[in-house]
C-alpha atoms as a PDB file:
ATOM      1  CA  MET A   1      15.720  10.592  -3.284  1.00  0.00           C
ATOM      2  CA  ILE A   2      15.193   8.844  -6.895  1.00  0.00           C
ATOM      3  CA  ALA A   3      13.837   5.239  -6.534  1.00  0.00           C
ATOM      4  CA  LYS A   4      16.123   2.708  -8.192  1.00  0.00           C
ATOM      5  CA  LYS A   5      14.549   0.897 -11.390  1.00  0.00           C
ATOM      6  CA  ARG A   6      13.285  -2.297 -10.969  1.00  0.00           C
ATOM      7  CA  ILE A   7      14.535  -5.273 -12.837  1.00  0.00           C
ATOM      8  CA  LEU A   8      13.347  -8.399 -12.664  1.00  0.00           C
ATOM      9  CA  LEU A   9      16.034 -10.971 -14.024  1.00  0.00           C
ATOM     10  CA  ALA A  10      14.840 -14.339 -15.068  1.00  0.00           C
ATOM     11  CA  GLU A  11      18.091 -16.632 -15.684  1.00  0.00           C
ATOM     12  CA  ASP A  12      17.727 -20.336 -14.202  1.00  0.00           C
ATOM     13  CA  ASP A  13      21.868 -20.435 -14.186  1.00  0.00           C
ATOM     14  CA  ASP A  14      22.967 -19.948 -10.626  1.00  0.00           C
ATOM     15  CA  LEU A  15      26.446 -18.433 -11.527  1.00  0.00           C
ATOM     16  CA  LEU A  16      25.160 -16.101 -14.397  1.00  0.00           C
ATOM     17  CA  ALA A  17      22.231 -14.973 -12.190  1.00  0.00           C
ATOM     18  CA  SER A  18      24.482 -14.020  -9.364  1.00  0.00           C
ATOM     19  CA  LEU A  19      26.662 -12.340 -11.360  1.00  0.00           C
ATOM     20  CA  LEU A  20      24.153 -10.201 -13.554  1.00  0.00           C
ATOM     21  CA  SER A  21      22.330  -9.440 -10.239  1.00  0.00           C
ATOM     22  CA  TYR A  22      25.305  -8.155  -8.324  1.00  0.00           C
ATOM     23  CA  ARG A  23      26.762  -6.086 -11.599  1.00  0.00           C
ATOM     24  CA  LEU A  24      23.282  -4.451 -12.119  1.00  0.00           C
ATOM     25  CA  GLU A  25      22.870  -3.668  -8.205  1.00  0.00           C
ATOM     26  CA  LYS A  26      26.117  -2.252  -8.602  1.00  0.00           C
ATOM     27  CA  GLY A  27      24.868  -0.336 -11.242  1.00  0.00           C
ATOM     28  CA  GLY A  28      21.961   1.191  -9.017  1.00  0.00           C
ATOM     29  CA  TYR A  29      19.421  -0.873 -10.019  1.00  0.00           C
ATOM     30  CA  ALA A  30      17.104  -3.138  -7.690  1.00  0.00           C
ATOM     31  CA  VAL A  31      17.311  -6.651  -9.018  1.00  0.00           C
ATOM     32  CA  SER A  32      14.728  -9.457  -8.595  1.00  0.00           C
ATOM     33  CA  LEU A  33      15.873 -12.904  -9.511  1.00  0.00           C
ATOM     34  CA  SER A  34      13.233 -15.564 -10.447  1.00  0.00           C
ATOM     35  CA  LYS A  35      14.903 -18.730 -11.310  1.00  0.00           C
ATOM     36  CA  ASN A  36      12.273 -20.367 -13.574  1.00  0.00           C
ATOM     37  CA  GLY A  37       9.391 -19.684 -15.590  1.00  0.00           C
ATOM     38  CA  LYS A  38       6.879 -20.038 -12.536  1.00  0.00           C
ATOM     39  CA  GLU A  39       8.442 -17.789 -10.280  1.00  0.00           C
ATOM     40  CA  VAL A  40       8.440 -15.231 -13.324  1.00  0.00           C
ATOM     41  CA  LYS A  41       4.320 -15.396 -13.723  1.00  0.00           C
ATOM     42  CA  ASP A  42       4.166 -15.163 -10.060  1.00  0.00           C
ATOM     43  CA  TYR A  43       6.048 -11.830  -9.345  1.00  0.00           C
ATOM     44  CA  LEU A  44       4.217 -10.738 -12.360  1.00  0.00           C
ATOM     45  CA  ALA A  45       1.248 -11.507 -10.403  1.00  0.00           C
ATOM     46  CA  ARG A  46       2.118  -9.115  -7.526  1.00  0.00           C
ATOM     47  CA  GLU A  47       4.132  -6.150  -9.438  1.00  0.00           C
ATOM     48  CA  ILE A  48       5.422  -5.149 -12.564  1.00  0.00           C
ATOM     49  CA  PRO A  49       9.128  -4.088 -12.869  1.00  0.00           C
ATOM     50  CA  ASP A  50      10.308  -1.170 -14.789  1.00  0.00           C
ATOM     51  CA  ILE A  51      12.170  -4.020 -17.363  1.00  0.00           C
ATOM     52  CA  ILE A  52      12.920  -7.619 -17.470  1.00  0.00           C
ATOM     53  CA  ILE A  53      15.681  -9.511 -18.610  1.00  0.00           C
ATOM     54  CA  SER A  54      15.016 -13.160 -19.615  1.00  0.00           C
ATOM     55  CA  ASP A  55      16.748 -16.244 -20.655  1.00  0.00           C
ATOM     56  CA  ILE A  56      14.663 -18.200 -23.491  1.00  0.00           C
ATOM     57  CA  MET A  57      15.509 -21.473 -21.973  1.00  0.00           C
ATOM     58  CA  MET A  58      13.920 -21.726 -18.621  1.00  0.00           C
ATOM     59  CA  PRO A  59      12.226 -24.402 -16.645  1.00  0.00           C
ATOM     60  CA  TYR A  60       8.108 -24.528 -16.358  1.00  0.00           C
ATOM     61  CA  PHE A  61       7.802 -21.272 -18.735  1.00  0.00           C
ATOM     62  CA  SER A  62      10.127 -20.467 -21.379  1.00  0.00           C
ATOM     63  CA  GLY A  63      11.150 -16.884 -22.047  1.00  0.00           C
ATOM     64  CA  ILE A  64       9.041 -16.921 -25.289  1.00  0.00           C
ATOM     65  CA  GLU A  65       5.852 -17.753 -23.090  1.00  0.00           C
ATOM     66  CA  ILE A  66       6.825 -15.128 -20.641  1.00  0.00           C
ATOM     67  CA  ILE A  67       6.599 -12.421 -23.387  1.00  0.00           C
ATOM     68  CA  ASP A  68       3.333 -13.697 -24.667  1.00  0.00           C
ATOM     69  CA  HIS A  69       1.927 -13.707 -20.965  1.00  0.00           C
ATOM     70  CA  LEU A  70       2.973 -10.064 -20.410  1.00  0.00           C
ATOM     71  CA  ARG A  71       2.198  -8.747 -23.701  1.00  0.00           C
ATOM     72  CA  ASN A  72      -0.937 -10.600 -24.570  1.00  0.00           C
ATOM     73  CA  GLU A  73      -2.469 -11.515 -21.336  1.00  0.00           C
ATOM     74  CA  LEU A  74      -1.244  -8.521 -18.814  1.00  0.00           C
ATOM     75  CA  LYS A  75      -1.157  -6.239 -22.010  1.00  0.00           C
ATOM     76  CA  SER A  76       2.213  -4.537 -20.372  1.00  0.00           C
ATOM     77  CA  SER A  77       4.393  -2.860 -22.717  1.00  0.00           C
ATOM     78  CA  THR A  78       7.200  -3.259 -20.127  1.00  0.00           C
ATOM     79  CA  PRO A  79      10.651  -3.511 -21.812  1.00  0.00           C
ATOM     80  CA  ILE A  80      12.215  -7.000 -22.170  1.00  0.00           C
ATOM     81  CA  ILE A  81      15.460  -7.951 -22.875  1.00  0.00           C
ATOM     82  CA  ILE A  82      16.039 -11.333 -23.976  1.00  0.00           C
ATOM     83  CA  ILE A  83      19.335 -13.111 -23.196  1.00  0.00           C
ATOM     84  CA  SER A  84      20.147 -16.480 -24.933  1.00  0.00           C
ATOM     85  CA  ALA A  85      22.907 -18.775 -26.204  1.00  0.00           C
ATOM     86  CA  ALA A  86      24.298 -18.093 -29.654  1.00  0.00           C
ATOM     87  CA  GLY A  87      22.712 -20.368 -32.280  1.00  0.00           C
ATOM     88  CA  ASN A  88      19.226 -20.085 -31.170  1.00  0.00           C
ATOM     89  CA  GLU A  89      17.880 -17.515 -33.981  1.00  0.00           C
ATOM     90  CA  GLU A  90      14.315 -19.050 -34.165  1.00  0.00           C
ATOM     91  CA  ASN A  91      13.849 -18.649 -30.991  1.00  0.00           C
ATOM     92  CA  VAL A  92      15.213 -14.938 -30.965  1.00  0.00           C
ATOM     93  CA  LEU A  93      12.900 -14.331 -34.333  1.00  0.00           C
ATOM     94  CA  THR A  94       9.980 -15.481 -32.114  1.00  0.00           C
ATOM     95  CA  ALA A  95      10.654 -13.264 -29.398  1.00  0.00           C
ATOM     96  CA  PHE A  96      11.012 -10.531 -31.296  1.00  0.00           C
ATOM     97  CA  GLU A  97       7.842 -11.039 -33.242  1.00  0.00           C
ATOM     98  CA  LEU A  98       6.032 -11.732 -29.440  1.00  0.00           C
ATOM     99  CA  GLY A  99       7.279  -8.383 -28.420  1.00  0.00           C
ATOM    100  CA  ALA A 100      10.723  -8.273 -26.816  1.00  0.00           C
ATOM    101  CA  ASN A 101      12.568  -5.110 -26.906  1.00  0.00           C
ATOM    102  CA  ASP A 102      16.166  -6.223 -27.395  1.00  0.00           C
ATOM    103  CA  PHE A 103      18.255  -9.037 -27.419  1.00  0.00           C
ATOM    104  CA  VAL A 104      21.684 -10.128 -25.903  1.00  0.00           C
ATOM    105  CA  SER A 105      23.792 -13.006 -26.852  1.00  0.00           C
ATOM    106  CA  LYS A 106      25.311 -15.208 -24.127  1.00  0.00           C
ATOM    107  CA  PRO A 107      28.480 -15.211 -22.665  1.00  0.00           C
ATOM    108  CA  VAL A 108      26.523 -11.812 -21.848  1.00  0.00           C
ATOM    109  CA  SER A 109      28.828  -8.465 -21.313  1.00  0.00           C
ATOM    110  CA  THR A 110      27.566  -6.747 -18.405  1.00  0.00           C
ATOM    111  CA  GLN A 111      28.585  -3.577 -19.538  1.00  0.00           C
ATOM    112  CA  GLU A 112      26.792  -4.061 -22.686  1.00  0.00           C
ATOM    113  CA  LEU A 113      23.492  -5.122 -21.185  1.00  0.00           C
ATOM    114  CA  ILE A 114      23.673  -2.225 -18.614  1.00  0.00           C
ATOM    115  CA  VAL A 115      23.797  -0.227 -21.653  1.00  0.00           C
ATOM    116  CA  ARG A 116      20.968  -1.733 -23.409  1.00  0.00           C
ATOM    117  CA  ILE A 117      18.912  -1.690 -19.812  1.00  0.00           C
ATOM    118  CA  SER A 118      19.412   2.161 -20.052  1.00  0.00           C
ATOM    119  CA  ARG A 119      18.445   2.372 -23.572  1.00  0.00           C
ATOM    120  CA  GLU A 120      15.439   0.866 -22.969  1.00  0.00           C
ATOM    121  CA  LEU A 121      14.443   2.781 -19.837  1.00  0.00           C
ATOM    122  CA  LYS A 122      15.160   5.927 -21.373  1.00  0.00           C
ATOM    123  CA  LYS A 123      12.489   5.004 -24.313  1.00  0.00           C
ATOM    124  CA  THR A 124       9.711   4.502 -21.626  1.00  0.00           C
ATOM    125  CA  SER A 125      10.636   7.520 -19.389  1.00  0.00           C
ATOM    126  CA  TYR A 126       9.506  10.355 -22.131  1.00  0.00           C
END
């Protein structure tokens, strides 16, 4: 049996988090949900998932700070896909500069997100 790929989903909007988590699990992924940056850092102290999907704007630590923590403190190359509301170009550019792998604009198309997740995971499986 092939193990499910583990996704850490960091999203503080309960409705969106539930929708994305449900769709990702239906897509065959194991999803862990964090509602703020502190929960993300606590999770990453215990384990590193196969991929991280993170909102930029979250309580305690932003998605930008999470990318910085993952890349510079944990020295991890785990793929990170940022999700954020449109009109936040400066934060998106900063996220890419710090090492984000991809970006999806809100409102999020779950089908598009699943395709982007699959693409990123294929890059890391070689």
